[in-house]
Amino acid sequence: MSTSDKRSQQDFRVATAVMANPSSASITDSWRKRLVVTDKGKPRALLANAIIVLKDAPEWDGVLGFNEFSLDTVVLKSTPWGADVGLRMDRSGRPINNRLVTTQ
């Protein structure tokens, strides 16, 4: 088994444990302690980390919503980087152009 395979398995075990016990931390900044990090302490680029941030970081509380009619993700409150409220995103996270298309 290669080193990268071992690292992937270890990351998966840690991420699974973190996701299985989301209430293990108190509110405020404790979500940061649950992130899977590198040996240098930087957060790893993992889906588990993204889920932790979107669910538990106060900056993301109530920011995103889901429009069940159009099946789009919608920005309900300004994002940490300042995206406009009402911005719609498709399933891949790309903004949807809301301009009407006319033909002549």
C-alpha atoms as a PDB file:
ATOM      1  CA  MET A   1       0.000   0.000   0.000  1.00  0.00           C
ATOM      2  CA  SER A   2       1.423   3.374  -1.020  1.00  0.00           C
ATOM      3  CA  THR A   3       1.916   6.283   1.357  1.00  0.00           C
ATOM      4  CA  SER A   4      -0.833   8.290  -0.338  1.00  0.00           C
ATOM      5  CA  ASP A   5      -3.257   5.352   0.056  1.00  0.00           C
ATOM      6  CA  LYS A   6      -2.426   5.130   3.765  1.00  0.00           C
ATOM      7  CA  ARG A   7      -2.915   8.896   4.113  1.00  0.00           C
ATOM      8  CA  SER A   8      -6.275   8.684   2.319  1.00  0.00           C
ATOM      9  CA  GLN A   9      -7.441   5.883   4.588  1.00  0.00           C
ATOM     10  CA  GLN A  10      -6.327   7.816   7.662  1.00  0.00           C
ATOM     11  CA  ASP A  11      -8.081  10.973   6.427  1.00  0.00           C
ATOM     12  CA  PHE A  12     -11.241   8.972   5.777  1.00  0.00           C
ATOM     13  CA  ARG A  13     -11.205   7.463   9.279  1.00  0.00           C
ATOM     14  CA  VAL A  14     -10.659  10.868  10.892  1.00  0.00           C
ATOM     15  CA  ALA A  15     -13.311  12.562   8.738  1.00  0.00           C
ATOM     16  CA  THR A  16     -15.809   9.785   9.483  1.00  0.00           C
ATOM     17  CA  ALA A  17     -15.187  10.132  13.211  1.00  0.00           C
ATOM     18  CA  VAL A  18     -15.586  13.911  13.027  1.00  0.00           C
ATOM     19  CA  MET A  19     -18.833  13.660  11.069  1.00  0.00           C
ATOM     20  CA  ALA A  20     -20.218  10.987  13.408  1.00  0.00           C
ATOM     21  CA  ASN A  21     -19.815  13.204  16.470  1.00  0.00           C
ATOM     22  CA  PRO A  22     -20.734  16.771  15.425  1.00  0.00           C
ATOM     23  CA  SER A  23     -21.994  17.769  18.882  1.00  0.00           C
ATOM     24  CA  SER A  24     -18.639  17.058  20.516  1.00  0.00           C
ATOM     25  CA  ALA A  25     -17.766  20.755  20.525  1.00  0.00           C
ATOM     26  CA  SER A  26     -19.326  23.889  21.919  1.00  0.00           C
ATOM     27  CA  ILE A  27     -20.536  26.735  19.698  1.00  0.00           C
ATOM     28  CA  THR A  28     -18.181  29.669  18.712  1.00  0.00           C
ATOM     29  CA  ASP A  29     -14.765  28.607  17.318  1.00  0.00           C
ATOM     30  CA  SER A  30     -14.786  24.981  18.444  1.00  0.00           C
ATOM     31  CA  TRP A  31     -15.670  23.883  14.913  1.00  0.00           C
ATOM     32  CA  ARG A  32     -12.086  24.747  13.941  1.00  0.00           C
ATOM     33  CA  LYS A  33     -10.788  22.075  16.312  1.00  0.00           C
ATOM     34  CA  ARG A  34     -12.790  19.438  14.446  1.00  0.00           C
ATOM     35  CA  LEU A  35     -11.221  20.167  11.042  1.00  0.00           C
ATOM     36  CA  VAL A  36      -8.912  17.572   9.553  1.00  0.00           C
ATOM     37  CA  VAL A  37      -5.520  19.267   9.272  1.00  0.00           C
ATOM     38  CA  THR A  38      -2.100  18.599   7.768  1.00  0.00           C
ATOM     39  CA  ASP A  39       1.006  17.889   9.838  1.00  0.00           C
ATOM     40  CA  LYS A  40       1.617  21.651   9.789  1.00  0.00           C
ATOM     41  CA  GLY A  41      -1.853  22.403  11.173  1.00  0.00           C
ATOM     42  CA  LYS A  42      -3.425  23.746   7.984  1.00  0.00           C
ATOM     43  CA  PRO A  43      -6.925  22.504   7.079  1.00  0.00           C
ATOM     44  CA  ARG A  44      -6.950  19.752   4.458  1.00  0.00           C
ATOM     45  CA  ALA A  45      -9.069  20.168   1.325  1.00  0.00           C
ATOM     46  CA  LEU A  46     -11.705  17.592   2.263  1.00  0.00           C
ATOM     47  CA  LEU A  47     -15.463  17.409   1.876  1.00  0.00           C
ATOM     48  CA  ALA A  48     -15.701  16.678   5.607  1.00  0.00           C
ATOM     49  CA  ASN A  49     -14.022  20.023   6.368  1.00  0.00           C
ATOM     50  CA  ALA A  50     -16.350  21.875   4.004  1.00  0.00           C
ATOM     51  CA  ILE A  51     -19.365  20.310   5.707  1.00  0.00           C
ATOM     52  CA  ILE A  52     -18.072  21.266   9.154  1.00  0.00           C
ATOM     53  CA  VAL A  53     -17.536  24.874   8.082  1.00  0.00           C
ATOM     54  CA  LEU A  54     -20.902  25.239   6.338  1.00  0.00           C
ATOM     55  CA  LYS A  55     -22.799  23.646   9.231  1.00  0.00           C
ATOM     56  CA  ASP A  56     -20.994  25.116  12.239  1.00  0.00           C
ATOM     57  CA  ALA A  57     -19.062  28.300  11.396  1.00  0.00           C
ATOM     58  CA  PRO A  58     -21.068  31.324  12.592  1.00  0.00           C
ATOM     59  CA  GLU A  59     -20.108  33.231   9.420  1.00  0.00           C
ATOM     60  CA  TRP A  60     -22.148  30.718   7.381  1.00  0.00           C
ATOM     61  CA  ASP A  61     -25.218  30.567   9.622  1.00  0.00           C
ATOM     62  CA  GLY A  62     -28.272  31.124   7.405  1.00  0.00           C
ATOM     63  CA  VAL A  63     -26.223  32.191   4.379  1.00  0.00           C
ATOM     64  CA  LEU A  64     -27.241  29.466   1.921  1.00  0.00           C
ATOM     65  CA  GLY A  65     -30.688  28.090   1.163  1.00  0.00           C
ATOM     66  CA  PHE A  66     -32.183  25.630  -1.285  1.00  0.00           C
ATOM     67  CA  ASN A  67     -35.007  26.544  -3.646  1.00  0.00           C
ATOM     68  CA  GLU A  68     -37.017  23.350  -3.955  1.00  0.00           C
ATOM     69  CA  PHE A  69     -38.936  24.663  -6.968  1.00  0.00           C
ATOM     70  CA  SER A  70     -35.936  25.549  -9.150  1.00  0.00           C
ATOM     71  CA  LEU A  71     -33.533  23.103  -7.419  1.00  0.00           C
ATOM     72  CA  ASP A  72     -30.991  25.938  -7.053  1.00  0.00           C
ATOM     73  CA  THR A  73     -28.837  26.979  -4.138  1.00  0.00           C
ATOM     74  CA  VAL A  74     -29.626  30.571  -3.181  1.00  0.00           C
ATOM     75  CA  VAL A  75     -27.604  33.121  -1.182  1.00  0.00           C
ATOM     76  CA  LEU A  76     -29.936  34.299   1.610  1.00  0.00           C
ATOM     77  CA  LYS A  77     -27.467  36.517   3.462  1.00  0.00           C
ATOM     78  CA  SER A  78     -24.194  38.076   2.330  1.00  0.00           C
ATOM     79  CA  THR A  79     -21.372  35.529   2.152  1.00  0.00           C
ATOM     80  CA  PRO A  80     -18.078  36.057   4.014  1.00  0.00           C
ATOM     81  CA  TRP A  81     -16.576  37.348   0.743  1.00  0.00           C
ATOM     82  CA  GLY A  82     -19.601  39.548  -0.060  1.00  0.00           C
ATOM     83  CA  ALA A  83     -21.629  37.685  -2.705  1.00  0.00           C
ATOM     84  CA  ASP A  84     -24.951  39.360  -3.401  1.00  0.00           C
ATOM     85  CA  VAL A  85     -28.076  38.231  -1.599  1.00  0.00           C
ATOM     86  CA  GLY A  86     -30.396  36.473  -4.033  1.00  0.00           C
ATOM     87  CA  LEU A  87     -27.556  35.062  -6.148  1.00  0.00           C
ATOM     88  CA  ARG A  88     -28.581  31.693  -7.528  1.00  0.00           C
ATOM     89  CA  MET A  89     -26.112  28.881  -8.154  1.00  0.00           C
ATOM     90  CA  ASP A  90     -26.530  25.716 -10.175  1.00  0.00           C
ATOM     91  CA  ARG A  91     -25.677  22.272  -8.812  1.00  0.00           C
ATOM     92  CA  SER A  92     -21.976  22.745  -9.553  1.00  0.00           C
ATOM     93  CA  GLY A  93     -21.868  26.021  -7.589  1.00  0.00           C
ATOM     94  CA  ARG A  94     -21.634  28.322 -10.607  1.00  0.00           C
ATOM     95  CA  PRO A  95     -23.743  31.507 -10.584  1.00  0.00           C
ATOM     96  CA  ILE A  96     -26.843  31.406 -12.756  1.00  0.00           C
ATOM     97  CA  ASN A  97     -27.284  34.340 -15.078  1.00  0.00           C
ATOM     98  CA  ASN A  98     -30.684  35.870 -14.324  1.00  0.00           C
ATOM     99  CA  ARG A  99     -30.915  38.075 -17.450  1.00  0.00           C
ATOM    100  CA  LEU A 100     -33.660  37.367 -19.915  1.00  0.00           C
ATOM    101  CA  VAL A 101     -32.534  36.052 -23.236  1.00  0.00           C
ATOM    102  CA  THR A 102     -34.325  37.540 -26.220  1.00  0.00           C
ATOM    103  CA  THR A 103     -34.180  36.516 -29.835  1.00  0.00           C
ATOM    104  CA  GLN A 104     -34.881  38.720 -32.830  1.00  0.00           C
END
